[in-house]
Structures are given as C-alpha cells and as structure tokens.
Amino acid sequence: MQQSRPNRPIDYLKNSMNKVILIKVKRNRLFRGNLGGFDDHLNLYLEGTSQIFEYQDEEGNIREEHEDLGNIVVRGDNVIFVNLANQDNE
C-alpha cells in the first residue's frame, strides 16, 4: 500500500505556474498576479501584478482598490500564504 505524502509548497507552486495566484506577504500586503516562475527559495516572479487594498467605506461596506505594479519579484521569506485567485474577480 502506497502512502501519499502531503504536497510541499514547491509542488503547489509547480501546479500554479502560469495561473493567477493571490499571495499575502508580511505587513499585511496582498498581491494578485500571474505566476511566471519561482526558485528553490520560493522567491516568486509575478506578471501583471496588482496590489489589493481593502478598506471600509462610509456605509461600513468592505471595498477593494487595486494598484497595478506590472512584473514583480516577491522574496520567498516574506510570503505568508499563496492561493489560486478567484478567476471571476479578474
């Protein structure tokens, strides 16, 4: 009987190549971009990246604003989580 081992973060990144991902980094910053590449240190190369800012408007609703950043590199030791982005929000 073969046991399946849990996926490692690098396996998850391999399966997310050329897909839109959402990443949260230290200092509560959130980015959405297309994963163009990564290295053994989990540094991420994102294409067409935007930083997402969430805020509460006067009525108490949570709103989002986006700042387009283009292509960026995110240092792996700053990453808190990585997830596939919701394609419907693009």
N, C-alpha and C. Protein backbone atom coordinates (compact mmCIF):
# COMPACT_ATOMS: atom_id res chain seq x y z
N MET A 1 0.84 -1.18 0.00
CA MET A 1 0.00 0.00 0.00
C MET A 1 0.88 1.25 0.00
N GLN A 2 0.64 2.12 -0.96
CA GLN A 2 1.46 3.31 -1.11
C GLN A 2 0.79 4.47 -0.38
N GLN A 3 1.56 5.13 0.47
CA GLN A 3 1.03 6.28 1.20
C GLN A 3 1.34 7.53 0.40
N SER A 4 0.35 8.41 0.33
CA SER A 4 0.62 9.68 -0.35
C SER A 4 1.13 10.68 0.68
N ARG A 5 2.17 11.36 0.34
CA ARG A 5 2.71 12.34 1.27
C ARG A 5 2.07 13.69 0.96
N PRO A 6 1.99 14.54 1.93
CA PRO A 6 1.38 15.85 1.70
C PRO A 6 2.17 16.64 0.66
N ASN A 7 1.46 17.46 -0.08
CA ASN A 7 2.15 18.29 -1.07
C ASN A 7 3.03 19.31 -0.35
N ARG A 8 4.19 19.50 -0.89
CA ARG A 8 5.10 20.51 -0.38
C ARG A 8 4.74 21.84 -1.05
N PRO A 9 5.11 22.96 -0.46
CA PRO A 9 4.82 24.25 -1.09
C PRO A 9 5.35 24.34 -2.53
N ILE A 10 6.51 23.75 -2.76
CA ILE A 10 7.08 23.83 -4.11
C ILE A 10 6.24 23.04 -5.11
N ASP A 11 5.62 21.94 -4.66
CA ASP A 11 4.72 21.19 -5.54
C ASP A 11 3.48 22.02 -5.89
N TYR A 12 2.96 22.72 -4.91
CA TYR A 12 1.81 23.59 -5.14
C TYR A 12 2.16 24.67 -6.16
N LEU A 13 3.36 25.26 -6.02
CA LEU A 13 3.77 26.30 -6.96
C LEU A 13 3.93 25.74 -8.37
N LYS A 14 4.48 24.55 -8.49
CA LYS A 14 4.63 23.93 -9.82
C LYS A 14 3.27 23.80 -10.49
N ASN A 15 2.25 23.41 -9.73
CA ASN A 15 0.90 23.26 -10.28
C ASN A 15 0.22 24.60 -10.55
N SER A 16 0.76 25.68 -10.00
CA SER A 16 0.16 27.01 -10.16
C SER A 16 0.86 27.85 -11.23
N MET A 17 1.86 27.28 -11.91
CA MET A 17 2.59 28.03 -12.94
C MET A 17 1.63 28.53 -14.01
N ASN A 18 1.84 29.77 -14.42
CA ASN A 18 1.05 30.43 -15.46
C ASN A 18 -0.43 30.55 -15.10
N LYS A 19 -0.71 30.53 -13.81
CA LYS A 19 -2.07 30.76 -13.32
C LYS A 19 -2.06 31.99 -12.42
N VAL A 20 -3.21 32.60 -12.28
CA VAL A 20 -3.33 33.76 -11.39
C VAL A 20 -3.35 33.26 -9.95
N ILE A 21 -2.46 33.84 -9.14
CA ILE A 21 -2.42 33.48 -7.72
C ILE A 21 -2.62 34.72 -6.87
N LEU A 22 -3.00 34.48 -5.65
CA LEU A 22 -3.15 35.52 -4.65
C LEU A 22 -2.13 35.23 -3.57
N ILE A 23 -1.32 36.21 -3.22
CA ILE A 23 -0.34 35.99 -2.16
C ILE A 23 -0.45 37.09 -1.12
N LYS A 24 -0.26 36.67 0.13
CA LYS A 24 -0.20 37.63 1.22
C LYS A 24 1.21 37.61 1.75
N VAL A 25 1.77 38.79 1.97
CA VAL A 25 3.13 38.90 2.48
C VAL A 25 3.10 39.65 3.81
N LYS A 26 4.25 39.70 4.44
CA LYS A 26 4.37 40.40 5.72
C LYS A 26 3.88 41.84 5.58
N ARG A 27 3.54 42.42 6.70
CA ARG A 27 2.99 43.78 6.77
C ARG A 27 1.61 43.85 6.13
N ASN A 28 0.91 42.69 6.09
CA ASN A 28 -0.48 42.60 5.66
C ASN A 28 -0.71 43.14 4.24
N ARG A 29 0.21 42.83 3.34
CA ARG A 29 0.06 43.26 1.95
C ARG A 29 -0.42 42.09 1.11
N LEU A 30 -1.30 42.38 0.15
CA LEU A 30 -1.93 41.35 -0.67
C LEU A 30 -1.68 41.66 -2.14
N PHE A 31 -1.23 40.65 -2.89
CA PHE A 31 -0.94 40.81 -4.31
C PHE A 31 -1.66 39.75 -5.13
N ARG A 32 -2.07 40.12 -6.34
CA ARG A 32 -2.65 39.17 -7.30
C ARG A 32 -1.87 39.31 -8.59
N GLY A 33 -1.41 38.18 -9.12
CA GLY A 33 -0.68 38.21 -10.38
C GLY A 33 -0.54 36.81 -10.96
N ASN A 34 -0.05 36.76 -12.18
CA ASN A 34 0.18 35.50 -12.87
C ASN A 34 1.56 34.97 -12.47
N LEU A 35 1.60 33.74 -11.94
CA LEU A 35 2.87 33.16 -11.51
C LEU A 35 3.70 32.78 -12.72
N GLY A 36 4.76 33.56 -12.95
CA GLY A 36 5.62 33.33 -14.09
C GLY A 36 6.82 32.45 -13.78
N GLY A 37 7.15 32.31 -12.50
CA GLY A 37 8.29 31.49 -12.13
C GLY A 37 8.59 31.60 -10.65
N PHE A 38 9.47 30.72 -10.19
CA PHE A 38 9.92 30.72 -8.80
C PHE A 38 11.22 29.95 -8.73
N ASP A 39 11.90 30.07 -7.58
CA ASP A 39 13.16 29.34 -7.40
C ASP A 39 13.09 28.47 -6.15
N ASP A 40 14.21 27.85 -5.81
CA ASP A 40 14.25 26.94 -4.66
C ASP A 40 14.01 27.64 -3.32
N HIS A 41 14.18 28.97 -3.28
CA HIS A 41 13.95 29.74 -2.06
C HIS A 41 12.50 30.23 -1.99
N LEU A 42 11.70 29.80 -2.97
CA LEU A 42 10.29 30.20 -3.09
C LEU A 42 10.13 31.70 -3.35
N ASN A 43 11.17 32.33 -3.92
CA ASN A 43 11.00 33.68 -4.45
C ASN A 43 10.07 33.55 -5.65
N LEU A 44 9.11 34.45 -5.75
CA LEU A 44 8.08 34.35 -6.78
C LEU A 44 8.22 35.46 -7.80
N TYR A 45 8.12 35.12 -9.08
CA TYR A 45 8.08 36.10 -10.16
C TYR A 45 6.64 36.19 -10.63
N LEU A 46 6.03 37.36 -10.44
CA LEU A 46 4.63 37.57 -10.80
C LEU A 46 4.53 38.55 -11.96
N GLU A 47 3.69 38.22 -12.91
CA GLU A 47 3.46 39.07 -14.08
C GLU A 47 2.08 39.69 -13.98
N GLY A 48 1.96 40.93 -14.46
CA GLY A 48 0.67 41.61 -14.45
C GLY A 48 0.10 41.72 -13.05
N THR A 49 0.93 42.11 -12.12
CA THR A 49 0.58 42.09 -10.70
C THR A 49 -0.15 43.36 -10.28
N SER A 50 -1.10 43.19 -9.38
CA SER A 50 -1.72 44.34 -8.73
C SER A 50 -1.71 44.11 -7.23
N GLN A 51 -1.51 45.20 -6.50
CA GLN A 51 -1.62 45.15 -5.05
C GLN A 51 -3.07 45.48 -4.70
N ILE A 52 -3.64 44.74 -3.78
CA ILE A 52 -5.03 44.91 -3.41
C ILE A 52 -5.10 45.57 -2.03
N PHE A 53 -5.87 46.65 -1.97
CA PHE A 53 -6.09 47.36 -0.72
C PHE A 53 -7.56 47.22 -0.35
N GLU A 54 -7.83 46.75 0.85
CA GLU A 54 -9.21 46.66 1.32
C GLU A 54 -9.44 47.76 2.35
N TYR A 55 -10.62 48.38 2.28
CA TYR A 55 -10.96 49.42 3.24
C TYR A 55 -12.47 49.41 3.47
N GLN A 56 -12.89 50.07 4.51
CA GLN A 56 -14.31 50.15 4.84
C GLN A 56 -14.82 51.53 4.43
N ASP A 57 -15.90 51.55 3.63
CA ASP A 57 -16.45 52.83 3.20
C ASP A 57 -17.35 53.43 4.29
N GLU A 58 -17.98 54.59 3.98
CA GLU A 58 -18.79 55.30 4.95
C GLU A 58 -19.98 54.48 5.44
N GLU A 59 -20.51 53.59 4.58
CA GLU A 59 -21.65 52.76 4.96
C GLU A 59 -21.23 51.48 5.68
N GLY A 60 -19.94 51.26 5.86
CA GLY A 60 -19.47 50.08 6.55
C GLY A 60 -19.19 48.89 5.64
N ASN A 61 -19.31 49.09 4.32
CA ASN A 61 -19.04 48.01 3.37
C ASN A 61 -17.54 47.90 3.11
N ILE A 62 -17.07 46.66 2.94
CA ILE A 62 -15.66 46.43 2.60
C ILE A 62 -15.49 46.64 1.10
N ARG A 63 -14.57 47.51 0.72
CA ARG A 63 -14.28 47.82 -0.68
C ARG A 63 -12.83 47.45 -0.99
N GLU A 64 -12.56 47.27 -2.29
CA GLU A 64 -11.20 46.97 -2.75
C GLU A 64 -10.75 48.03 -3.73
N GLU A 65 -9.48 48.38 -3.63
CA GLU A 65 -8.82 49.20 -4.64
C GLU A 65 -7.59 48.44 -5.08
N HIS A 66 -7.19 48.67 -6.33
CA HIS A 66 -6.05 47.96 -6.91
C HIS A 66 -5.03 48.96 -7.42
N GLU A 67 -3.77 48.64 -7.19
CA GLU A 67 -2.66 49.41 -7.76
C GLU A 67 -1.89 48.48 -8.68
N ASP A 68 -1.84 48.81 -9.97
CA ASP A 68 -1.12 47.97 -10.93
C ASP A 68 0.39 48.16 -10.75
N LEU A 69 1.09 47.04 -10.62
CA LEU A 69 2.53 47.06 -10.39
C LEU A 69 3.33 46.46 -11.54
N GLY A 70 2.66 45.78 -12.46
CA GLY A 70 3.36 45.14 -13.56
C GLY A 70 4.03 43.85 -13.10
N ASN A 71 5.27 43.63 -13.54
CA ASN A 71 6.01 42.41 -13.19
C ASN A 71 6.86 42.68 -11.96
N ILE A 72 6.75 41.79 -10.97
CA ILE A 72 7.50 41.97 -9.72
C ILE A 72 8.10 40.64 -9.27
N VAL A 73 9.07 40.73 -8.37
CA VAL A 73 9.62 39.57 -7.69
C VAL A 73 9.32 39.74 -6.20
N VAL A 74 8.75 38.70 -5.60
CA VAL A 74 8.45 38.71 -4.17
C VAL A 74 9.40 37.73 -3.50
N ARG A 75 10.11 38.20 -2.53
CA ARG A 75 11.06 37.37 -1.82
C ARG A 75 10.32 36.31 -1.01
N GLY A 76 10.75 35.07 -1.14
CA GLY A 76 10.05 33.95 -0.54
C GLY A 76 9.89 34.01 0.96
N ASP A 77 10.88 34.60 1.67
CA ASP A 77 10.76 34.63 3.14
C ASP A 77 9.77 35.67 3.62
N ASN A 78 9.20 36.47 2.72
CA ASN A 78 8.16 37.43 3.09
C ASN A 78 6.75 36.88 2.89
N VAL A 79 6.63 35.75 2.21
CA VAL A 79 5.32 35.20 1.86
C VAL A 79 4.69 34.51 3.06
N ILE A 80 3.44 34.87 3.34
CA ILE A 80 2.67 34.23 4.41
C ILE A 80 1.80 33.12 3.83
N PHE A 81 1.09 33.40 2.72
CA PHE A 81 0.32 32.35 2.07
C PHE A 81 0.21 32.60 0.58
N VAL A 82 -0.04 31.52 -0.17
CA VAL A 82 -0.26 31.55 -1.61
C VAL A 82 -1.52 30.75 -1.88
N ASN A 83 -2.39 31.29 -2.74
CA ASN A 83 -3.60 30.59 -3.10
C ASN A 83 -3.97 30.94 -4.53
N LEU A 84 -4.65 30.02 -5.21
CA LEU A 84 -5.16 30.35 -6.53
C LEU A 84 -6.20 31.46 -6.38
N ALA A 85 -6.09 32.48 -7.23
CA ALA A 85 -7.04 33.59 -7.16
C ALA A 85 -8.36 33.18 -7.76
N ASN A 86 -9.41 33.84 -7.34
CA ASN A 86 -10.74 33.62 -7.91
C ASN A 86 -10.76 34.26 -9.28
N GLN A 87 -10.87 33.45 -10.31
CA GLN A 87 -10.82 33.93 -11.69
C GLN A 87 -12.00 34.84 -12.02
N ASP A 88 -13.11 34.71 -11.29
CA ASP A 88 -14.29 35.53 -11.57
C ASP A 88 -14.08 36.99 -11.24
N ASN A 89 -13.10 37.29 -10.37
CA ASN A 89 -12.87 38.67 -9.96
C ASN A 89 -11.93 39.41 -10.87
N GLU A 90 -11.44 38.76 -11.89
CA GLU A 90 -10.48 39.39 -12.79
C GLU A 90 -11.17 40.38 -13.69
